[in-house]
């Protein structure tokens, strides 16, 4: 029950990835946490890259003004 509440608080992209893990609700605690951690870290990495690109593009466009 706690695991499902935790998943409900994660970003939608992470929730969707976790939905594809067969039997996640029935996995041992450690294994379930490993899946949650993996997809959360993957999401955070993608978000960091996206934010870095946006920052770079803003800096490049502001130099032309």
PDB file of N, CA and C in Angstrom:
ATOM      1  N   UNK A   1       0.826  -1.187   0.000  1.00  0.00           N
ATOM      2  CA  UNK A   1       0.000   0.000   0.000  1.00  0.00           C
ATOM      3  C   UNK A   1       0.869   1.248   0.000  1.00  0.00           C
ATOM      4  N   UNK A   2       1.910   1.268   0.828  1.00  0.00           N
ATOM      5  CA  UNK A   2       2.803   2.419   0.866  1.00  0.00           C
ATOM      6  C   UNK A   2       3.473   2.625  -0.489  1.00  0.00           C
ATOM      7  N   UNK A   3       3.878   1.524  -1.119  1.00  0.00           N
ATOM      8  CA  UNK A   3       4.542   1.611  -2.421  1.00  0.00           C
ATOM      9  C   UNK A   3       3.641   2.269  -3.454  1.00  0.00           C
ATOM     10  N   UNK A   4       2.370   1.921  -3.438  1.00  0.00           N
ATOM     11  CA  UNK A   4       1.441   2.500  -4.412  1.00  0.00           C
ATOM     12  C   UNK A   4       1.227   3.992  -4.146  1.00  0.00           C
ATOM     13  N   UNK A   5       1.203   4.391  -2.878  1.00  0.00           N
ATOM     14  CA  UNK A   5       1.087   5.810  -2.537  1.00  0.00           C
ATOM     15  C   UNK A   5       2.332   6.561  -2.989  1.00  0.00           C
ATOM     16  N   UNK A   6       3.472   5.945  -2.812  1.00  0.00           N
ATOM     17  CA  UNK A   6       4.729   6.549  -3.241  1.00  0.00           C
ATOM     18  C   UNK A   6       4.742   6.741  -4.756  1.00  0.00           C
ATOM     19  N   UNK A   7       4.356   5.727  -5.475  1.00  0.00           N
ATOM     20  CA  UNK A   7       4.327   5.800  -6.938  1.00  0.00           C
ATOM     21  C   UNK A   7       3.354   6.878  -7.398  1.00  0.00           C
ATOM     22  N   UNK A   8       2.244   7.029  -6.700  1.00  0.00           N
ATOM     23  CA  UNK A   8       1.261   8.048  -7.059  1.00  0.00           C
ATOM     24  C   UNK A   8       1.802   9.465  -6.954  1.00  0.00           C
ATOM     25  N   UNK A   9       2.850   9.669  -6.181  1.00  0.00           N
ATOM     26  CA  UNK A   9       3.443  10.984  -6.038  1.00  0.00           C
ATOM     27  C   UNK A   9       4.580  11.267  -7.009  1.00  0.00           C
ATOM     28  N   UNK A  10       4.901  10.306  -7.836  1.00  0.00           N
ATOM     29  CA  UNK A  10       5.988  10.468  -8.800  1.00  0.00           C
ATOM     30  C   UNK A  10       5.478  11.112 -10.083  1.00  0.00           C
ATOM     31  N   UNK A  11       6.379  11.684 -10.898  1.00  0.00           N
ATOM     32  CA  UNK A  11       5.969  12.248 -12.184  1.00  0.00           C
ATOM     33  C   UNK A  11       5.295  11.194 -13.061  1.00  0.00           C
ATOM     34  N   UNK A  12       4.402  11.623 -13.905  1.00  0.00           N
ATOM     35  CA  UNK A  12       3.628  10.702 -14.759  1.00  0.00           C
ATOM     36  C   UNK A  12       4.526   9.805 -15.608  1.00  0.00           C
ATOM     37  N   UNK A  13       5.624  10.355 -16.115  1.00  0.00           N
ATOM     38  CA  UNK A  13       6.530   9.561 -16.946  1.00  0.00           C
ATOM     39  C   UNK A  13       7.106   8.379 -16.155  1.00  0.00           C
ATOM     40  N   UNK A  14       7.438   8.609 -14.896  1.00  0.00           N
ATOM     41  CA  UNK A  14       7.967   7.548 -14.040  1.00  0.00           C
ATOM     42  C   UNK A  14       6.865   6.546 -13.723  1.00  0.00           C
ATOM     43  N   UNK A  15       5.682   7.030 -13.446  1.00  0.00           N
ATOM     44  CA  UNK A  15       4.549   6.136 -13.159  1.00  0.00           C
ATOM     45  C   UNK A  15       4.290   5.212 -14.342  1.00  0.00           C
ATOM     46  N   UNK A  16       4.317   5.778 -15.548  1.00  0.00           N
ATOM     47  CA  UNK A  16       4.052   4.965 -16.737  1.00  0.00           C
ATOM     48  C   UNK A  16       5.125   3.906 -16.926  1.00  0.00           C
ATOM     49  N   UNK A  17       6.388   4.250 -16.655  1.00  0.00           N
ATOM     50  CA  UNK A  17       7.465   3.268 -16.781  1.00  0.00           C
ATOM     51  C   UNK A  17       7.294   2.148 -15.757  1.00  0.00           C
ATOM     52  N   UNK A  18       6.899   2.512 -14.553  1.00  0.00           N
ATOM     53  CA  UNK A  18       6.717   1.512 -13.502  1.00  0.00           C
ATOM     54  C   UNK A  18       5.518   0.603 -13.775  1.00  0.00           C
ATOM     55  N   UNK A  19       4.528   1.097 -14.510  1.00  0.00           N
ATOM     56  CA  UNK A  19       3.374   0.270 -14.861  1.00  0.00           C
ATOM     57  C   UNK A  19       3.797  -0.919 -15.724  1.00  0.00           C
ATOM     58  N   UNK A  20       4.918  -0.781 -16.437  1.00  0.00           N
ATOM     59  CA  UNK A  20       5.398  -1.848 -17.318  1.00  0.00           C
ATOM     60  C   UNK A  20       6.238  -2.899 -16.593  1.00  0.00           C
ATOM     61  N   UNK A  21       6.499  -2.687 -15.304  1.00  0.00           N
ATOM     62  CA  UNK A  21       7.254  -3.663 -14.521  1.00  0.00           C
ATOM     63  C   UNK A  21       6.277  -4.736 -14.043  1.00  0.00           C
ATOM     64  N   UNK A  22       6.443  -5.924 -14.553  1.00  0.00           N
ATOM     65  CA  UNK A  22       5.528  -7.012 -14.228  1.00  0.00           C
ATOM     66  C   UNK A  22       5.644  -7.379 -12.753  1.00  0.00           C
ATOM     67  N   UNK A  23       4.506  -7.387 -12.060  1.00  0.00           N
ATOM     68  CA  UNK A  23       4.448  -7.819 -10.675  1.00  0.00           C
ATOM     69  C   UNK A  23       5.130  -6.892  -9.680  1.00  0.00           C
ATOM     70  N   UNK A  24       5.228  -5.623  -9.989  1.00  0.00           N
ATOM     71  CA  UNK A  24       5.914  -4.682  -9.107  1.00  0.00           C
ATOM     72  C   UNK A  24       5.319  -4.681  -7.705  1.00  0.00           C
ATOM     73  N   UNK A  25       4.021  -4.725  -7.603  1.00  0.00           N
ATOM     74  CA  UNK A  25       3.364  -4.687  -6.290  1.00  0.00           C
ATOM     75  C   UNK A  25       3.693  -5.919  -5.441  1.00  0.00           C
ATOM     76  N   UNK A  26       4.079  -7.013  -6.082  1.00  0.00           N
ATOM     77  CA  UNK A  26       4.358  -8.253  -5.360  1.00  0.00           C
ATOM     78  C   UNK A  26       5.847  -8.535  -5.164  1.00  0.00           C
ATOM     79  N   UNK A  27       6.691  -7.640  -5.643  1.00  0.00           N
ATOM     80  CA  UNK A  27       8.132  -7.859  -5.504  1.00  0.00           C
ATOM     81  C   UNK A  27       8.579  -7.545  -4.086  1.00  0.00           C
ATOM     82  N   UNK A  28       9.661  -8.155  -3.645  1.00  0.00           N
ATOM     83  CA  UNK A  28      10.202  -7.828  -2.322  1.00  0.00           C
ATOM     84  C   UNK A  28      10.532  -6.338  -2.239  1.00  0.00           C
ATOM     85  N   UNK A  29      10.533  -5.798  -1.049  1.00  0.00           N
ATOM     86  CA  UNK A  29      10.711  -4.362  -0.849  1.00  0.00           C
ATOM     87  C   UNK A  29      11.955  -3.834  -1.560  1.00  0.00           C
ATOM     88  N   UNK A  30      13.072  -4.478  -1.351  1.00  0.00           N
ATOM     89  CA  UNK A  30      14.329  -4.008  -1.941  1.00  0.00           C
ATOM     90  C   UNK A  30      14.259  -3.964  -3.460  1.00  0.00           C
ATOM     91  N   UNK A  31      13.709  -4.996  -4.050  1.00  0.00           N
ATOM     92  CA  UNK A  31      13.618  -5.058  -5.508  1.00  0.00           C
ATOM     93  C   UNK A  31      12.671  -3.978  -6.042  1.00  0.00           C
ATOM     94  N   UNK A  32      11.549  -3.769  -5.356  1.00  0.00           N
ATOM     95  CA  UNK A  32      10.621  -2.718  -5.754  1.00  0.00           C
ATOM     96  C   UNK A  32      11.254  -1.344  -5.656  1.00  0.00           C
ATOM     97  N   UNK A  33      12.000  -1.120  -4.580  1.00  0.00           N
ATOM     98  CA  UNK A  33      12.689   0.166  -4.401  1.00  0.00           C
ATOM     99  C   UNK A  33      13.733   0.374  -5.490  1.00  0.00           C
ATOM    100  N   UNK A  34      14.401  -0.697  -5.884  1.00  0.00           N
ATOM    101  CA  UNK A  34      15.403  -0.593  -6.953  1.00  0.00           C
ATOM    102  C   UNK A  34      14.759  -0.145  -8.260  1.00  0.00           C
ATOM    103  N   UNK A  35      13.597  -0.675  -8.588  1.00  0.00           N
ATOM    104  CA  UNK A  35      12.885  -0.272  -9.806  1.00  0.00           C
ATOM    105  C   UNK A  35      12.474   1.194  -9.712  1.00  0.00           C
ATOM    106  N   UNK A  36      11.919   1.580  -8.589  1.00  0.00           N
ATOM    107  CA  UNK A  36      11.483   2.969  -8.407  1.00  0.00           C
ATOM    108  C   UNK A  36      12.684   3.905  -8.520  1.00  0.00           C
ATOM    109  N   UNK A  37      13.767   3.561  -7.869  1.00  0.00           N
ATOM    110  CA  UNK A  37      14.985   4.382  -7.906  1.00  0.00           C
ATOM    111  C   UNK A  37      15.515   4.497  -9.337  1.00  0.00           C
ATOM    112  N   UNK A  38      15.550   3.388 -10.050  1.00  0.00           N
ATOM    113  CA  UNK A  38      16.070   3.377 -11.421  1.00  0.00           C
ATOM    114  C   UNK A  38      15.294   4.345 -12.311  1.00  0.00           C
ATOM    115  N   UNK A  39      13.981   4.222 -12.308  1.00  0.00           N
ATOM    116  CA  UNK A  39      13.183   5.058 -13.199  1.00  0.00           C
ATOM    117  C   UNK A  39      13.149   6.519 -12.749  1.00  0.00           C
ATOM    118  N   UNK A  40      13.249   6.760 -11.453  1.00  0.00           N
ATOM    119  CA  UNK A  40      13.305   8.135 -10.959  1.00  0.00           C
ATOM    120  C   UNK A  40      14.624   8.788 -11.355  1.00  0.00           C
ATOM    121  N   UNK A  41      15.722   8.066 -11.218  1.00  0.00           N
ATOM    122  CA  UNK A  41      17.030   8.602 -11.614  1.00  0.00           C
ATOM    123  C   UNK A  41      17.090   8.845 -13.123  1.00  0.00           C
ATOM    124  N   UNK A  42      16.513   7.950 -13.884  1.00  0.00           N
ATOM    125  CA  UNK A  42      16.473   8.104 -15.338  1.00  0.00           C
ATOM    126  C   UNK A  42      15.686   9.363 -15.709  1.00  0.00           C
ATOM    127  N   UNK A  43      14.556   9.571 -15.061  1.00  0.00           N
ATOM    128  CA  UNK A  43      13.734  10.755 -15.293  1.00  0.00           C
ATOM    129  C   UNK A  43      14.510  12.023 -14.927  1.00  0.00           C
ATOM    130  N   UNK A  44      15.161  12.009 -13.761  1.00  0.00           N
ATOM    131  CA  UNK A  44      15.912  13.182 -13.314  1.00  0.00           C
ATOM    132  C   UNK A  44      17.061  13.509 -14.261  1.00  0.00           C
ATOM    133  N   UNK A  45      17.721  12.494 -14.804  1.00  0.00           N
ATOM    134  CA  UNK A  45      18.809  12.718 -15.762  1.00  0.00           C
ATOM    135  C   UNK A  45      18.281  13.375 -17.034  1.00  0.00           C
ATOM    136  N   UNK A  46      17.183  12.876 -17.531  1.00  0.00           N
ATOM    137  CA  UNK A  46      16.587  13.457 -18.739  1.00  0.00           C
ATOM    138  C   UNK A  46      16.144  14.896 -18.485  1.00  0.00           C
ATOM    139  N   UNK A  47      15.591  15.142 -17.320  1.00  0.00           N
ATOM    140  CA  UNK A  47      15.142  16.485 -16.972  1.00  0.00           C
ATOM    141  C   UNK A  47      16.328  17.442 -16.885  1.00  0.00           C
ATOM    142  N   UNK A  48      17.430  16.996 -16.299  1.00  0.00           N
ATOM    143  CA  UNK A  48      18.627  17.833 -16.178  1.00  0.00           C
ATOM    144  C   UNK A  48      19.181  18.194 -17.556  1.00  0.00           C
ATOM    145  N   UNK A  49      19.206  17.232 -18.466  1.00  0.00           N
ATOM    146  CA  UNK A  49      19.690  17.492 -19.827  1.00  0.00           C
ATOM    147  C   UNK A  49      18.776  18.492 -20.515  1.00  0.00           C
ATOM    148  N   UNK A  50      17.490  18.307 -20.367  1.00  0.00           N
ATOM    149  CA  UNK A  50      16.525  19.206 -20.995  1.00  0.00           C
ATOM    150  C   UNK A  50      16.684  20.638 -20.461  1.00  0.00           C
ATOM    151  N   UNK A  51      16.845  20.772 -19.165  1.00  0.00           N
ATOM    152  CA  UNK A  51      16.994  22.098 -18.573  1.00  0.00           C
ATOM    153  C   UNK A  51      18.307  22.745 -19.018  1.00  0.00           C
ATOM    154  N   UNK A  52      19.364  21.955 -19.150  1.00  0.00           N
ATOM    155  CA  UNK A  52      20.649  22.479 -19.602  1.00  0.00           C
ATOM    156  C   UNK A  52      20.540  22.984 -21.037  1.00  0.00           C
ATOM    157  N   UNK A  53      19.836  22.243 -21.877  1.00  0.00           N
ATOM    158  CA  UNK A  53      19.640  22.666 -23.269  1.00  0.00           C
ATOM    159  C   UNK A  53      18.845  23.962 -23.338  1.00  0.00           C
ATOM    160  N   UNK A  54      17.797  24.056 -22.522  1.00  0.00           N
ATOM    161  CA  UNK A  54      16.986  25.273 -22.515  1.00  0.00           C
ATOM    162  C   UNK A  54      17.812  26.467 -22.058  1.00  0.00           C
ATOM    163  N   UNK A  55      18.623  26.262 -21.053  1.00  0.00           N
ATOM    164  CA  UNK A  55      19.470  27.340 -20.545  1.00  0.00           C
ATOM    165  C   UNK A  55      20.472  27.771 -21.613  1.00  0.00           C
ATOM    166  N   UNK A  56      21.057  26.801 -22.312  1.00  0.00           N
ATOM    167  CA  UNK A  56      22.024  27.112 -23.365  1.00  0.00           C
ATOM    168  C   UNK A  56      21.366  27.879 -24.491  1.00  0.00           C
ATOM    169  N   UNK A  57      20.170  27.481 -24.868  1.00  0.00           N
ATOM    170  CA  UNK A  57      19.484  28.160 -25.970  1.00  0.00           C
ATOM    171  C   UNK A  57      19.060  29.567 -25.557  1.00  0.00           C
ATOM    172  N   UNK A  58      18.689  29.771 -24.294  1.00  0.00           N
ATOM    173  CA  UNK A  58      18.347  31.109 -23.819  1.00  0.00           C
ATOM    174  C   UNK A  58      19.579  32.003 -23.821  1.00  0.00           C
ATOM    175  N   UNK A  59      20.702  31.467 -23.384  1.00  0.00           N
ATOM    176  CA  UNK A  59      21.938  32.248 -23.364  1.00  0.00           C
ATOM    177  C   UNK A  59      22.389  32.607 -24.769  1.00  0.00           C
ATOM    178  N   UNK A  60      22.230  31.697 -25.706  1.00  0.00           N
ATOM    179  CA  UNK A  60      22.633  31.958 -27.083  1.00  0.00           C
ATOM    180  C   UNK A  60      21.737  33.002 -27.724  1.00  0.00           C
ATOM    181  N   UNK A  61      20.441  32.931 -27.457  1.00  0.00           N
ATOM    182  CA  UNK A  61      19.518  33.892 -28.058  1.00  0.00           C
ATOM    183  C   UNK A  61      19.630  35.268 -27.416  1.00  0.00           C
ATOM    184  N   UNK A  62      19.980  35.331 -26.139  1.00  0.00           N
ATOM    185  CA  UNK A  62      20.097  36.633 -25.473  1.00  0.00           C
ATOM    186  C   UNK A  62      21.352  37.367 -25.921  1.00  0.00           C
ATOM    187  N   UNK A  63      22.357  36.683 -26.436  1.00  0.00           N
ATOM    188  CA  UNK A  63      23.574  37.349 -26.891  1.00  0.00           C
ATOM    189  C   UNK A  63      23.355  38.110 -28.194  1.00  0.00           C
ATOM    190  N   UNK A  64      22.286  37.806 -28.895  1.00  0.00           N
ATOM    191  CA  UNK A  64      21.984  38.490 -30.155  1.00  0.00           C
ATOM    192  C   UNK A  64      21.168  39.750 -29.954  1.00  0.00           C
ATOM    193  N   UNK A  65      20.728  40.014 -28.769  1.00  0.00           N
ATOM    194  CA  UNK A  65      19.886  41.191 -28.523  1.00  0.00           C
ATOM    195  C   UNK A  65      20.689  42.415 -28.252  1.00  0.00           C
TER     196      UNK A  65
END
